[in-house]
Amino acid sequence: MKDIENRVAIVTGGASGIGRSVALKLSERGAKISIGDLQELPREEGEETRGIIEDRGGEVIFTKTDISEIDQVKKLIERTVGSFGGIDILVNNAAADQRAGTVEEMEIKEWERVIQTNLTGMFLCTKYAIPYLKKSKNARIVNIASQLGLVGYKNRPAYCASKGGVINFSKQLAIEYADVPILVNSICPGLIQTHRTKRVFEDENIKNRLELETPLPYFGKPDDIAEVVAFIASDKAKYITGADIVVDGGYTAK
C-alpha cells in the first residue's frame, strides 16, 4: 500500500529502535526518508537501516544530527530539502533517557541534558521544518512522547516532565497551525522491546513487575508504534489533530 507515495519524511532517531521501524514503515508506504540520528555512519544500525530501505527500492539519506544543537538541526532540514525538494512529514522521535534518580539526587546538568534533547530538540526540529511543511498539501508532525508523560514514575523526574511537555506542545502546535493546515499529533508508547530496553527485559524482577502492571499479556514491539505513525501520516487521518494516541498495552488505563 503506497498511501504516502513521494512524500518526504524526516525521522529523527531513525537509525534503530522505534525510529528505525518508523523509517522502514513510511518507506514501505512510499515516502522518501531522511534520517537524522546522533550516531555517525558508518555504524552497524544506521548502515543496516539505510541498506534495508535501499534494498527495497526506497529513497533515503542519513544525516548525523544532535537535535539539541541548532546548527545540526538546520543542516538536517537543509539537506532534506536539498535532496528531496521539501518536507511533508516530521517524526520527532529522537530522545534521551534519564539516569535513575530522585530530584534531590539529580545533577542540574542531567536535568538540562534530558530537557534539552527531549523538549528543546523537538522544538528546534519543528521550528526549522515548519516553513517547508507550510508548503506541503499533506503536512504532518508526529511527536513521540511516552506513557510516562501521562503518569508519574519513581526516579524519572526529568523524563516524565519532558514527555509531558511533548504532549502539550503537540496540542499547542495543532491549534496554532490548524488553518494551514499542519496536522500535529503525539503518540505515547508504553514499554517497547528495543535495544534501549534490553536491560529491562533481562532483569527478571523488573520484567515480572512490569508484566503485572501491563494489562495485555505481552509487551509492545517497535512496529506497533510504526503502524500508528503511518496511519497518522496518511490521508486516512486527515481529521485528526491535537490528539495523543496511547500505545501502551493498557498501562495507563488502570
Protein backbone atom coordinates (compact mmCIF):
# COMPACT_ATOMS: atom_id res chain seq x y z
CA MET A 1 0.00 0.00 0.00
CA LYS A 2 1.58 3.26 -1.17
CA ASP A 3 -0.69 5.74 0.56
CA ILE A 4 2.03 8.36 1.18
CA GLU A 5 3.92 7.88 -2.05
CA ASN A 6 6.56 10.51 -2.87
CA ARG A 7 6.01 12.40 0.37
CA VAL A 8 9.16 13.41 2.20
CA ALA A 9 9.52 12.26 5.80
CA ILE A 10 12.14 13.23 8.36
CA VAL A 11 12.58 10.69 11.15
CA THR A 12 14.85 11.73 14.00
CA GLY A 13 16.47 8.91 15.92
CA GLY A 14 15.73 6.79 12.88
CA ALA A 15 18.78 4.53 12.88
CA SER A 16 17.47 1.98 15.36
CA GLY A 17 14.62 1.02 17.68
CA ILE A 18 11.25 2.69 17.21
CA GLY A 19 12.76 5.23 14.81
CA ARG A 20 14.07 2.53 12.51
CA SER A 21 10.68 0.81 12.37
CA VAL A 22 9.02 4.14 11.60
CA ALA A 23 11.51 4.89 8.81
CA LEU A 24 11.04 1.43 7.29
CA LYS A 25 7.25 1.60 7.54
CA LEU A 26 6.99 5.07 5.96
CA SER A 27 9.33 4.00 3.18
CA GLU A 28 7.23 0.88 2.62
CA ARG A 29 4.21 3.19 2.21
CA GLY A 30 6.06 5.17 -0.45
CA ALA A 31 7.73 8.05 1.40
CA LYS A 32 11.22 9.35 0.79
CA ILE A 33 13.12 9.10 4.06
CA SER A 34 15.55 11.49 5.71
CA ILE A 35 17.04 10.00 8.86
CA GLY A 36 18.60 12.27 11.46
CA ASP A 37 20.45 10.39 14.18
CA LEU A 38 23.13 11.10 16.74
CA GLN A 39 25.22 8.16 15.67
CA GLU A 40 27.66 8.65 12.86
CA LEU A 41 27.88 6.44 9.81
CA PRO A 42 29.35 4.02 9.19
CA ARG A 43 27.78 2.30 12.20
CA GLU A 44 26.01 -1.02 12.10
CA GLU A 45 22.49 0.18 12.97
CA GLY A 46 22.45 3.19 10.66
CA GLU A 47 24.01 1.39 7.74
CA GLU A 48 21.62 -1.51 8.17
CA THR A 49 18.58 0.77 8.25
CA ARG A 50 19.70 2.65 5.18
CA GLY A 51 20.60 -0.59 3.43
CA ILE A 52 17.20 -2.17 4.07
CA ILE A 53 15.39 0.84 2.65
CA GLU A 54 17.62 0.99 -0.42
CA ASP A 55 17.41 -2.77 -0.99
CA ARG A 56 13.63 -2.45 -1.04
CA GLY A 57 13.83 0.26 -3.68
CA GLY A 58 13.26 3.20 -1.33
CA GLU A 59 14.98 6.57 -1.28
CA VAL A 60 16.85 7.51 1.88
CA ILE A 61 19.51 9.88 3.18
CA PHE A 62 21.23 9.87 6.57
CA THR A 63 22.48 12.97 8.39
CA LYS A 64 24.36 12.82 11.69
CA THR A 65 22.23 15.02 13.94
CA ASP A 66 22.26 16.00 17.58
CA ILE A 67 18.81 17.57 17.80
CA SER A 68 19.84 19.69 20.76
CA GLU A 69 22.28 21.59 18.52
CA ILE A 70 20.74 24.32 16.33
CA ASP A 71 23.33 24.11 13.53
CA GLN A 72 22.94 20.34 13.22
CA VAL A 73 19.15 20.61 13.07
CA LYS A 74 19.42 23.27 10.36
CA LYS A 75 21.76 21.01 8.40
CA LEU A 76 19.27 18.12 8.62
CA ILE A 77 16.44 20.31 7.35
CA GLU A 78 18.50 21.92 4.59
CA ARG A 79 19.92 18.60 3.40
CA THR A 80 16.45 17.04 3.32
CA VAL A 81 15.03 19.88 1.26
CA GLY A 82 18.09 19.94 -0.99
CA SER A 83 17.83 16.21 -1.66
CA PHE A 84 14.07 15.77 -1.93
CA GLY A 85 12.66 19.24 -2.61
CA GLY A 86 10.56 19.73 0.52
CA ILE A 87 9.16 18.23 3.72
CA ASP A 88 5.73 16.65 4.21
CA ILE A 89 6.13 14.63 7.41
CA LEU A 90 8.21 15.30 10.50
CA VAL A 91 8.51 12.48 13.03
CA ASN A 92 10.15 13.79 16.20
CA ASN A 93 11.34 10.53 17.70
CA ALA A 94 14.89 11.15 18.99
CA ALA A 95 15.06 11.29 22.77
CA ALA A 96 17.37 10.93 25.74
CA ASP A 97 16.67 8.65 28.67
CA GLN A 98 17.37 9.68 32.24
CA ARG A 99 19.74 8.00 34.61
CA ALA A 100 17.68 6.89 37.58
CA GLY A 101 17.45 9.27 40.49
CA THR A 102 15.16 11.50 42.51
CA VAL A 103 15.02 15.29 42.19
CA GLU A 104 17.37 15.51 45.16
CA GLU A 105 19.87 13.13 43.60
CA MET A 106 19.79 14.59 40.09
CA GLU A 107 22.56 16.88 38.96
CA ILE A 108 21.33 20.04 37.24
CA LYS A 109 23.36 19.07 34.16
CA GLU A 110 21.45 15.78 33.92
CA TRP A 111 18.10 17.61 34.10
CA GLU A 112 19.24 20.06 31.42
CA ARG A 113 20.52 17.25 29.17
CA VAL A 114 17.18 15.43 29.17
CA ILE A 115 15.06 18.56 28.73
CA GLN A 116 17.39 19.95 26.05
CA THR A 117 17.07 16.79 23.95
CA ASN A 118 13.50 15.67 24.59
CA LEU A 119 11.79 19.04 24.56
CA THR A 120 14.09 21.73 23.18
CA GLY A 121 15.39 19.40 20.47
CA MET A 122 11.84 18.70 19.36
CA PHE A 123 11.14 22.43 19.36
CA LEU A 124 14.17 23.08 17.14
CA CYS A 125 13.28 20.39 14.60
CA THR A 126 9.73 21.70 14.45
CA LYS A 127 10.74 25.35 14.22
CA TYR A 128 13.01 24.85 11.22
CA ALA A 129 10.78 22.33 9.45
CA ILE A 130 7.56 24.35 9.64
CA PRO A 131 8.39 26.84 6.85
CA TYR A 132 8.63 23.84 4.48
CA LEU A 133 5.68 21.98 5.99
CA LYS A 134 3.57 25.06 5.25
CA LYS A 135 4.23 24.46 1.55
CA SER A 136 3.00 20.86 1.70
CA LYS A 137 -0.57 19.86 0.91
CA ASN A 138 -0.26 16.95 3.34
CA ALA A 139 1.73 18.34 6.26
CA ARG A 140 2.07 16.15 9.34
CA ILE A 141 4.03 16.35 12.58
CA VAL A 142 4.13 13.25 14.76
CA ASN A 143 5.78 13.66 18.16
CA ILE A 144 6.82 10.57 20.09
CA ALA A 145 6.09 11.11 23.77
CA SER A 146 5.72 8.31 26.35
CA GLN A 147 3.30 6.73 28.77
CA LEU A 148 5.47 8.43 31.40
CA GLY A 149 4.29 11.75 30.02
CA LEU A 150 0.84 10.82 31.31
CA VAL A 151 1.67 9.29 34.69
CA GLY A 152 4.35 9.69 37.30
CA TYR A 153 7.11 7.16 37.81
CA LYS A 154 9.76 6.86 40.51
CA ASN A 155 13.28 8.09 39.75
CA ARG A 156 12.33 9.67 36.40
CA PRO A 157 11.57 13.36 37.15
CA ALA A 158 13.24 14.84 34.06
CA TYR A 159 11.96 12.18 31.69
CA CYS A 160 8.36 12.45 32.95
CA ALA A 161 8.49 16.25 32.79
CA SER A 162 9.93 16.32 29.28
CA LYS A 163 7.46 13.81 27.85
CA GLY A 164 4.52 15.55 29.49
CA GLY A 165 5.76 18.71 27.79
CA VAL A 166 5.85 16.93 24.42
CA ILE A 167 2.17 16.04 24.70
CA ASN A 168 1.02 19.57 25.44
CA PHE A 169 3.48 21.10 22.95
CA SER A 170 1.83 18.93 20.30
CA LYS A 171 -1.63 20.19 21.25
CA GLN A 172 -0.45 23.81 21.12
CA LEU A 173 1.05 23.29 17.65
CA ALA A 174 -2.13 21.61 16.45
CA ILE A 175 -4.16 24.69 17.35
CA GLU A 176 -1.54 27.15 16.10
CA TYR A 177 -1.27 25.63 12.64
CA ALA A 178 -4.76 24.20 12.09
CA ASP A 179 -5.56 26.85 9.50
CA VAL A 180 -2.57 25.94 7.26
CA PRO A 181 -3.30 23.04 7.90
CA ILE A 182 -0.43 21.22 9.57
CA LEU A 183 -1.80 18.23 11.47
CA VAL A 184 0.06 17.63 14.72
CA ASN A 185 -0.38 14.62 17.00
CA SER A 186 1.59 12.80 19.66
CA ILE A 187 1.99 9.11 20.41
CA CYS A 188 2.63 7.69 23.87
CA PRO A 189 4.40 4.33 23.63
CA GLY A 190 4.48 2.01 26.59
CA LEU A 191 7.42 -0.29 27.25
CA ILE A 192 8.60 -1.31 23.78
CA GLN A 193 11.11 -4.06 23.14
CA THR A 194 14.15 -2.28 21.69
CA HIS A 195 17.91 -2.24 22.26
CA ARG A 196 17.39 0.58 24.78
CA THR A 197 15.04 -1.51 26.93
CA LYS A 198 17.01 -4.74 26.62
CA ARG A 199 18.36 -4.46 30.16
CA VAL A 200 14.80 -4.17 31.50
CA PHE A 201 13.73 -7.45 29.92
CA GLU A 202 16.93 -9.16 31.06
CA ASP A 203 16.15 -8.32 34.70
CA GLU A 204 13.57 -10.92 35.73
CA ASN A 205 12.40 -8.95 38.77
CA ILE A 206 11.71 -5.80 36.76
CA LYS A 207 10.20 -7.76 33.89
CA ASN A 208 7.84 -9.64 36.22
CA ARG A 209 6.73 -6.41 37.87
CA LEU A 210 6.04 -4.76 34.53
CA GLU A 211 4.08 -7.80 33.37
CA LEU A 212 1.82 -7.34 36.38
CA GLU A 213 1.44 -3.60 35.65
CA THR A 214 0.57 -4.09 31.94
CA PRO A 215 -2.95 -5.46 31.30
CA LEU A 216 -2.17 -7.06 27.93
CA PRO A 217 -0.23 -10.32 28.32
CA TYR A 218 2.63 -9.20 26.09
CA PHE A 219 4.91 -6.19 25.53
CA GLY A 220 4.93 -3.94 22.50
CA LYS A 221 7.31 -4.03 19.58
CA PRO A 222 8.63 -1.10 17.50
CA ASP A 223 6.31 -1.97 14.61
CA ASP A 224 3.31 -1.37 16.89
CA ILE A 225 4.32 2.28 17.05
CA ALA A 226 5.33 2.49 13.39
CA GLU A 227 1.88 1.37 12.26
CA VAL A 228 0.26 4.20 14.22
CA VAL A 229 2.72 6.75 12.82
CA ALA A 230 1.99 5.56 9.27
CA PHE A 231 -1.74 5.90 9.87
CA ILE A 232 -1.42 9.43 11.27
CA ALA A 233 0.80 10.40 8.34
CA SER A 234 -1.74 9.16 5.79
CA ASP A 235 -4.84 10.78 4.33
CA LYS A 236 -6.95 8.38 6.39
CA ALA A 237 -6.16 10.57 9.41
CA LYS A 238 -6.96 13.90 7.74
CA TYR A 239 -9.42 14.90 10.50
CA ILE A 240 -7.16 14.03 13.43
CA THR A 241 -5.05 16.77 15.00
CA GLY A 242 -4.19 17.63 18.57
CA ALA A 243 -4.69 14.02 19.63
CA ASP A 244 -2.48 11.97 21.92
CA ILE A 245 -2.60 8.30 20.96
CA VAL A 246 -1.60 5.88 23.70
CA VAL A 247 0.01 2.59 22.65
CA ASP A 248 0.91 1.04 25.98
CA GLY A 249 -0.90 -2.27 26.37
CA GLY A 250 -3.34 -0.69 28.81
CA TYR A 251 -0.70 0.51 31.29
CA THR A 252 -2.25 3.98 31.75
CA ALA A 253 -5.85 2.70 31.65
CA LYS A 254 -5.68 1.38 35.20
